[in-house]
């Protein structure tokens, strides 16, 4: 399915924001403080679930363009969910571009420093607002990966470890603890900053929910996205 075909039709139109050569299509309707993002192009189930969700929701949704997991910034490849801190971005540049010179990495970091603020201004919600990020995973990653670096966990479905929420707000986690879905709380992850959006939000005190579902489970991801969007308050004081 082509990328354009799954984008929601939003009455206020669409625009895009560039970070290096990466582009994020922004679909917006109404004045809701809620933000949504699909950040890995190869996670097609998550993209479709969010696009369908936004057909009847107010808010601002961000969709990375393309079908690849990684993007290009300053001539180098980077995981777009590792670009939200200098240390995380540098590590991702080194890992994905093993032959890059220090000067090339510094130049790419300078492009991030120039372009990323515009994306963050549009993406980060007003005080008390919420970001919902949609992801897919496979056999190599699940909630058990996150439990050792989390402050709390909720495991009503231990046999379905690939489907879970990761939250950065303790009050939101208390709400999710009343659900039938797995979840972890990370306000202060116990490892080095990896440059992910969740780490940035935790550091800044921004309410954030990461929705992980096994690739291909579209109905399940629709269900979990609808539930969390309706269960969590629009704003917190």
Protein backbone atom coordinates (compact mmCIF):
# COMPACT_ATOMS: atom_id res chain seq x y z
CA UNK A 1 0.00 0.00 0.00
CA UNK A 2 1.42 3.39 -0.99
CA UNK A 3 2.26 5.89 1.72
CA UNK A 4 -0.08 8.60 0.37
CA UNK A 5 -3.01 6.17 0.25
CA UNK A 6 -3.08 5.67 4.01
CA UNK A 7 -2.80 9.30 5.07
CA UNK A 8 -5.93 10.65 6.77
CA UNK A 9 -7.96 13.39 5.15
CA UNK A 10 -7.76 16.32 7.57
CA UNK A 11 -9.83 19.43 7.05
CA UNK A 12 -6.99 21.81 7.86
CA UNK A 13 -4.74 20.30 5.21
CA UNK A 14 -1.25 18.93 5.38
CA UNK A 15 2.31 20.20 5.44
CA UNK A 16 5.71 18.65 5.97
CA UNK A 17 8.74 19.31 8.16
CA UNK A 18 12.23 18.32 7.07
CA UNK A 19 15.06 17.09 9.27
CA UNK A 20 17.96 16.73 6.90
CA UNK A 21 16.65 14.63 4.01
CA UNK A 22 13.97 13.08 6.21
CA UNK A 23 10.49 14.49 5.92
CA UNK A 24 7.55 14.22 8.28
CA UNK A 25 4.10 14.75 6.84
CA UNK A 26 1.92 16.64 9.32
CA UNK A 27 -1.85 16.09 9.28
CA UNK A 28 -3.90 18.32 11.56
CA UNK A 29 -7.49 19.03 12.43
CA UNK A 30 -8.98 21.17 15.16
CA UNK A 31 -7.17 22.67 18.14
CA UNK A 32 -6.62 19.55 20.23
CA UNK A 33 -3.41 19.49 22.32
CA UNK A 34 -2.94 15.81 21.47
CA UNK A 35 0.02 14.80 19.29
CA UNK A 36 0.67 11.52 17.46
CA UNK A 37 3.72 10.24 15.58
CA UNK A 38 4.71 7.35 13.33
CA UNK A 39 8.51 7.52 13.14
CA UNK A 40 9.77 4.33 11.44
CA UNK A 41 8.73 3.99 7.80
CA UNK A 42 9.04 0.20 7.77
CA UNK A 43 6.46 -0.16 10.56
CA UNK A 44 3.52 -0.30 8.19
CA UNK A 45 0.93 -1.70 10.61
CA UNK A 46 1.52 1.23 12.96
CA UNK A 47 1.27 3.71 10.09
CA UNK A 48 -2.04 2.32 8.91
CA UNK A 49 -3.47 2.13 12.42
CA UNK A 50 -2.63 5.77 13.09
CA UNK A 51 -3.86 6.96 9.69
CA UNK A 52 -7.20 5.25 10.23
CA UNK A 53 -7.40 6.55 13.79
CA UNK A 54 -6.91 10.14 12.65
CA UNK A 55 -9.82 10.06 10.22
CA UNK A 56 -12.19 11.00 13.05
CA UNK A 57 -9.87 12.52 15.66
CA UNK A 58 -8.80 16.06 16.32
CA UNK A 59 -5.11 16.56 16.87
CA UNK A 60 -1.79 16.76 15.05
CA UNK A 61 -0.25 13.61 13.57
CA UNK A 62 3.25 13.16 12.14
CA UNK A 63 4.05 10.47 9.56
CA UNK A 64 7.62 9.86 8.43
CA UNK A 65 7.82 9.61 4.65
CA UNK A 66 9.24 6.53 2.96
CA UNK A 67 9.23 2.84 3.76
CA UNK A 68 12.68 2.43 5.33
CA UNK A 69 13.44 2.18 9.02
CA UNK A 70 16.27 4.72 8.84
CA UNK A 71 16.57 8.18 7.30
CA UNK A 72 19.38 10.35 5.94
CA UNK A 73 20.60 13.47 7.73
CA UNK A 74 23.66 15.38 6.56
CA UNK A 75 24.60 12.61 4.16
CA UNK A 76 24.63 9.92 6.87
CA UNK A 77 22.10 7.27 7.90
CA UNK A 78 20.39 7.54 11.29
CA UNK A 79 17.56 5.85 13.13
CA UNK A 80 14.99 8.68 13.40
CA UNK A 81 14.10 7.55 16.92
CA UNK A 82 17.69 8.10 18.02
CA UNK A 83 18.03 11.72 16.89
CA UNK A 84 16.50 13.48 19.89
CA UNK A 85 19.74 13.96 21.82
CA UNK A 86 23.30 14.63 20.64
CA UNK A 87 24.69 11.57 22.43
CA UNK A 88 22.02 9.28 20.99
CA UNK A 89 22.36 10.73 17.50
CA UNK A 90 26.15 10.41 17.56
CA UNK A 91 25.92 6.76 18.62
CA UNK A 92 23.38 6.03 15.86
CA UNK A 93 25.51 7.76 13.22
CA UNK A 94 28.55 5.72 14.30
CA UNK A 95 26.67 2.43 14.35
CA UNK A 96 24.97 2.87 10.98
CA UNK A 97 27.91 4.58 9.21
CA UNK A 98 30.99 2.69 10.44
CA UNK A 99 33.25 4.27 7.81
CA UNK A 100 32.16 7.86 8.50
CA UNK A 101 34.89 10.25 9.57
CA UNK A 102 34.61 12.32 12.75
CA UNK A 103 34.18 15.42 10.58
CA UNK A 104 31.32 13.80 8.66
CA UNK A 105 29.56 12.88 11.90
CA UNK A 106 30.06 16.39 13.29
CA UNK A 107 28.62 17.85 10.09
CA UNK A 108 25.57 15.58 10.29
CA UNK A 109 25.07 16.52 13.95
CA UNK A 110 25.13 20.19 12.92
CA UNK A 111 22.30 19.52 10.45
CA UNK A 112 20.30 17.93 13.25
CA UNK A 113 20.99 20.89 15.51
CA UNK A 114 19.70 23.19 12.77
CA UNK A 115 16.59 21.24 11.73
CA UNK A 116 15.35 19.36 14.79
CA UNK A 117 14.03 22.40 16.73
CA UNK A 118 11.35 23.04 14.09
CA UNK A 119 10.09 19.47 14.39
CA UNK A 120 10.07 19.64 18.18
CA UNK A 121 8.19 22.94 18.20
CA UNK A 122 5.44 21.34 16.16
CA UNK A 123 5.53 17.95 17.86
CA UNK A 124 5.81 18.65 21.59
CA UNK A 125 2.36 19.34 23.06
CA UNK A 126 1.41 22.29 25.24
CA UNK A 127 1.90 21.90 28.98
CA UNK A 128 -0.11 18.92 30.22
CA UNK A 129 -0.67 17.56 26.72
CA UNK A 130 0.20 14.10 25.46
CA UNK A 131 2.21 12.47 22.65
CA UNK A 132 1.21 9.01 21.43
CA UNK A 133 3.87 7.25 19.35
CA UNK A 134 2.97 4.11 17.38
CA UNK A 135 5.49 1.32 16.73
CA UNK A 136 5.72 -2.25 15.54
CA UNK A 137 8.15 -4.90 16.70
CA UNK A 138 9.12 -8.50 15.94
CA UNK A 139 10.63 -11.41 17.81
CA UNK A 140 13.74 -9.51 18.88
CA UNK A 141 12.05 -6.88 21.07
CA UNK A 142 9.21 -6.93 23.60
CA UNK A 143 8.23 -5.67 27.04
CA UNK A 144 10.80 -7.93 28.71
CA UNK A 145 13.50 -5.75 27.12
CA UNK A 146 12.12 -2.70 28.92
CA UNK A 147 11.24 -4.15 32.33
CA UNK A 148 14.83 -4.07 33.73
CA UNK A 149 15.13 -0.31 33.06
CA UNK A 150 11.58 0.58 34.14
CA UNK A 151 10.26 1.77 37.49
CA UNK A 152 7.01 -0.17 37.35
CA UNK A 153 5.29 -2.75 35.22
CA UNK A 154 1.77 -4.02 34.57
CA UNK A 155 1.61 -7.53 33.05
CA UNK A 156 -1.97 -8.78 32.69
CA UNK A 157 -0.96 -10.49 29.41
CA UNK A 158 2.44 -12.13 30.02
CA UNK A 159 1.87 -14.40 27.05
CA UNK A 160 1.62 -11.42 24.69
CA UNK A 161 4.87 -9.56 25.47
CA UNK A 162 5.15 -7.79 22.11
CA UNK A 163 2.02 -5.70 22.68
CA UNK A 164 2.47 -3.07 25.37
CA UNK A 165 2.51 0.58 26.38
CA UNK A 166 5.56 2.50 27.59
CA UNK A 167 4.63 5.63 29.55
CA UNK A 168 6.61 8.53 31.01
CA UNK A 169 3.93 9.90 33.36
CA UNK A 170 3.15 8.09 36.63
CA UNK A 171 -0.46 9.27 36.70
CA UNK A 172 -1.06 8.00 33.18
CA UNK A 173 0.50 4.69 34.19
CA UNK A 174 -2.00 4.40 37.07
CA UNK A 175 -4.81 4.70 34.52
CA UNK A 176 -3.27 2.08 32.25
CA UNK A 177 -2.85 -0.28 35.23
CA UNK A 178 -6.64 -0.62 35.15
CA UNK A 179 -6.51 -1.92 31.58
CA UNK A 180 -6.07 -5.45 30.18
CA UNK A 181 -2.87 -4.33 28.38
CA UNK A 182 0.79 -4.72 29.34
CA UNK A 183 2.64 -1.53 30.29
CA UNK A 184 5.85 -0.15 31.80
CA UNK A 185 6.62 3.21 33.40
CA UNK A 186 9.87 5.03 32.63
CA UNK A 187 10.21 8.49 34.12
CA UNK A 188 13.95 7.99 34.65
CA UNK A 189 15.22 5.13 32.45
CA UNK A 190 18.13 3.35 34.09
CA UNK A 191 20.48 3.40 31.10
CA UNK A 192 22.39 5.99 29.09
CA UNK A 193 20.32 8.36 26.95
CA UNK A 194 19.76 6.61 23.62
CA UNK A 195 18.33 9.64 21.80
CA UNK A 196 14.79 8.28 21.66
CA UNK A 197 11.70 10.45 21.82
CA UNK A 198 10.61 8.70 25.02
CA UNK A 199 13.88 9.70 26.74
CA UNK A 200 13.47 13.30 25.61
CA UNK A 201 9.90 13.41 26.94
CA UNK A 202 10.88 11.79 30.23
CA UNK A 203 13.69 14.32 30.70
CA UNK A 204 11.40 17.26 29.94
CA UNK A 205 8.42 16.02 31.93
CA UNK A 206 6.29 15.59 28.81
CA UNK A 207 3.48 13.02 28.90
CA UNK A 208 4.32 10.34 26.38
CA UNK A 209 2.91 6.94 25.45
CA UNK A 210 4.70 4.48 23.20
CA UNK A 211 2.29 1.91 21.75
CA UNK A 212 4.10 -1.25 20.66
CA UNK A 213 2.39 -4.03 18.71
CA UNK A 214 3.72 -7.06 16.89
CA UNK A 215 3.97 -6.28 13.16
CA UNK A 216 0.83 -7.29 11.28
CA UNK A 217 -1.58 -7.14 14.22
CA UNK A 218 -3.59 -4.27 12.79
CA UNK A 219 -6.85 -4.95 14.66
CA UNK A 220 -4.96 -5.19 17.94
CA UNK A 221 -3.09 -1.94 17.33
CA UNK A 222 -6.31 -0.15 16.38
CA UNK A 223 -7.91 -1.42 19.59
CA UNK A 224 -5.05 -0.36 21.86
CA UNK A 225 -4.70 3.05 20.19
CA UNK A 226 -8.40 3.75 20.55
CA UNK A 227 -8.39 2.63 24.17
CA UNK A 228 -5.42 4.69 25.33
CA UNK A 229 -6.54 7.80 23.46
CA UNK A 230 -9.94 7.66 25.13
CA UNK A 231 -8.75 6.56 28.59
CA UNK A 232 -6.07 9.19 29.23
CA UNK A 233 -7.11 12.78 29.95
CA UNK A 234 -6.56 15.34 27.23
CA UNK A 235 -4.61 17.63 29.59
CA UNK A 236 -3.11 17.30 33.03
CA UNK A 237 -2.46 20.33 35.27
